[in-house]
């Protein structure tokens, strides 16, 4: 009897599939050249990549960062979820094509290789649609 109760407790305890600390980017439709970034510095730095960011503070406010060697980047090609690369994604971009961002309901057209900043409590879902790549940022 005690064994069945103990087994029920073990079965009733579920572990999460993953533990995301920061924002997440989800790639749909096998989009190519979607790039994610982390460890962003807002001035010239010592990182291996350069991230020009249109919304430095997040949200839909234009506050451009034009710094060099200020971030770490990785390609999403071959991956669906950015959390399979890092637990904290700070920004994303389409490397070779302009893209649309819906930031909590407000649209912005973003140039290729300009990053969109997301916070730890935001996720971006990117799809290939009739007008190009559209990324929807929402809380989640």
Protein backbone atom coordinates (compact mmCIF):
# COMPACT_ATOMS: atom_id res chain seq x y z
CA UNK A 1 0.00 0.00 0.00
CA UNK A 2 2.77 2.43 0.86
CA UNK A 3 4.53 1.58 -2.43
CA UNK A 4 1.46 2.58 -4.49
CA UNK A 5 1.14 5.89 -2.63
CA UNK A 6 4.81 6.65 -3.14
CA UNK A 7 4.54 5.79 -6.83
CA UNK A 8 1.56 8.12 -7.18
CA UNK A 9 3.59 10.95 -5.68
CA UNK A 10 6.48 10.35 -8.08
CA UNK A 11 4.15 10.21 -11.08
CA UNK A 12 2.37 13.39 -9.92
CA UNK A 13 5.57 15.45 -9.86
CA UNK A 14 6.32 16.90 -13.27
CA UNK A 15 9.51 18.63 -14.25
CA UNK A 16 9.46 21.46 -16.80
CA UNK A 17 10.54 20.63 -20.35
CA UNK A 18 13.00 23.53 -20.24
CA UNK A 19 13.90 26.43 -17.99
CA UNK A 20 14.16 29.72 -19.85
CA UNK A 21 15.75 32.50 -17.83
CA UNK A 22 15.47 35.24 -20.44
CA UNK A 23 13.53 36.07 -23.58
CA UNK A 24 12.99 33.43 -26.24
CA UNK A 25 12.89 33.60 -30.05
CA UNK A 26 10.88 30.94 -31.89
CA UNK A 27 11.62 30.35 -35.58
CA UNK A 28 8.70 29.16 -37.71
CA UNK A 29 8.52 28.16 -41.39
CA UNK A 30 12.25 27.28 -41.60
CA UNK A 31 13.22 30.95 -41.93
CA UNK A 32 16.88 31.30 -42.88
CA UNK A 33 19.31 33.90 -41.51
CA UNK A 34 17.49 34.60 -38.24
CA UNK A 35 20.23 35.59 -35.76
CA UNK A 36 19.99 35.99 -31.98
CA UNK A 37 22.20 37.99 -29.62
CA UNK A 38 23.10 38.16 -25.92
CA UNK A 39 25.51 39.98 -23.59
CA UNK A 40 24.77 43.35 -25.20
CA UNK A 41 26.96 46.34 -24.38
CA UNK A 42 25.68 49.77 -25.43
CA UNK A 43 29.12 51.15 -26.31
CA UNK A 44 32.03 49.74 -28.28
CA UNK A 45 33.11 46.63 -26.46
CA UNK A 46 35.15 43.47 -26.49
CA UNK A 47 32.56 40.96 -27.71
CA UNK A 48 32.93 39.01 -30.93
CA UNK A 49 30.02 40.54 -32.87
CA UNK A 50 28.42 43.90 -33.60
CA UNK A 51 24.74 44.48 -32.78
CA UNK A 52 23.09 47.66 -34.06
CA UNK A 53 19.83 47.85 -32.09
CA UNK A 54 16.88 50.07 -33.06
CA UNK A 55 15.11 49.87 -29.65
CA UNK A 56 17.91 49.94 -27.10
CA UNK A 57 15.58 49.99 -24.07
CA UNK A 58 13.09 47.50 -25.52
CA UNK A 59 9.51 48.25 -26.42
CA UNK A 60 8.58 50.22 -29.53
CA UNK A 61 10.63 53.35 -28.75
CA UNK A 62 13.32 54.18 -31.30
CA UNK A 63 16.60 54.57 -29.38
CA UNK A 64 19.39 53.34 -31.67
CA UNK A 65 22.62 51.65 -30.54
CA UNK A 66 25.47 52.03 -33.04
CA UNK A 67 28.38 50.27 -31.35
CA UNK A 68 30.96 47.73 -32.49
CA UNK A 69 32.05 44.43 -30.92
CA UNK A 70 29.24 44.82 -28.39
CA UNK A 71 27.45 41.45 -28.35
CA UNK A 72 27.61 37.70 -28.83
CA UNK A 73 25.54 36.25 -31.69
CA UNK A 74 24.39 32.85 -32.98
CA UNK A 75 22.42 31.68 -36.00
CA UNK A 76 18.98 30.12 -35.51
CA UNK A 77 19.32 28.12 -38.75
CA UNK A 78 18.47 24.51 -37.97
CA UNK A 79 16.91 25.43 -34.60
CA UNK A 80 13.35 26.28 -33.62
CA UNK A 81 13.89 27.72 -30.12
CA UNK A 82 16.61 30.13 -29.03
CA UNK A 83 16.69 28.49 -25.58
CA UNK A 84 18.39 25.50 -27.23
CA UNK A 85 21.34 27.87 -27.83
CA UNK A 86 21.23 30.05 -24.67
CA UNK A 87 18.91 30.52 -21.70
CA UNK A 88 18.93 34.29 -22.22
CA UNK A 89 18.31 35.89 -25.60
CA UNK A 90 18.45 39.70 -25.60
CA UNK A 91 17.83 40.57 -29.27
CA UNK A 92 17.20 39.14 -32.74
CA UNK A 93 17.48 40.15 -36.40
CA UNK A 94 17.11 38.94 -39.95
CA UNK A 95 20.65 39.04 -41.27
CA UNK A 96 20.01 39.57 -45.00
CA UNK A 97 16.47 40.91 -45.35
CA UNK A 98 14.29 43.63 -43.87
CA UNK A 99 11.59 42.38 -41.52
CA UNK A 100 8.44 43.52 -39.72
CA UNK A 101 8.14 43.52 -35.92
CA UNK A 102 4.84 43.63 -34.07
CA UNK A 103 5.88 44.87 -30.63
CA UNK A 104 2.84 44.30 -28.39
CA UNK A 105 0.47 45.45 -31.14
CA UNK A 106 2.53 48.26 -32.72
CA UNK A 107 4.24 47.55 -36.08
CA UNK A 108 7.73 48.66 -37.10
CA UNK A 109 9.65 47.92 -40.31
CA UNK A 110 13.24 47.04 -39.42
CA UNK A 111 16.26 47.01 -41.72
CA UNK A 112 18.24 43.83 -42.30
CA UNK A 113 20.90 43.26 -39.64
CA UNK A 114 19.33 45.78 -37.23
CA UNK A 115 18.46 44.00 -34.00
CA UNK A 116 15.21 44.16 -32.04
CA UNK A 117 15.71 44.10 -28.27
CA UNK A 118 13.53 41.86 -26.12
CA UNK A 119 13.36 41.63 -22.35
CA UNK A 120 13.41 38.51 -20.18
CA UNK A 121 9.61 38.38 -20.01
CA UNK A 122 9.11 38.64 -23.80
CA UNK A 123 9.08 36.08 -26.60
CA UNK A 124 9.33 36.66 -30.34
CA UNK A 125 7.66 34.34 -32.87
CA UNK A 126 8.95 34.85 -36.42
CA UNK A 127 7.03 33.64 -39.50
CA UNK A 128 7.46 33.90 -43.26
CA UNK A 129 4.31 35.65 -44.53
CA UNK A 130 3.22 37.19 -47.84
CA UNK A 131 4.95 40.52 -47.05
CA UNK A 132 8.21 38.92 -45.85
CA UNK A 133 9.28 37.91 -42.36
CA UNK A 134 7.01 39.07 -39.52
CA UNK A 135 8.07 38.73 -35.90
CA UNK A 136 5.47 39.06 -33.15
CA UNK A 137 6.78 40.08 -29.71
CA UNK A 138 4.53 39.38 -26.73
CA UNK A 139 4.78 38.76 -23.03
CA UNK A 140 5.16 35.14 -22.15
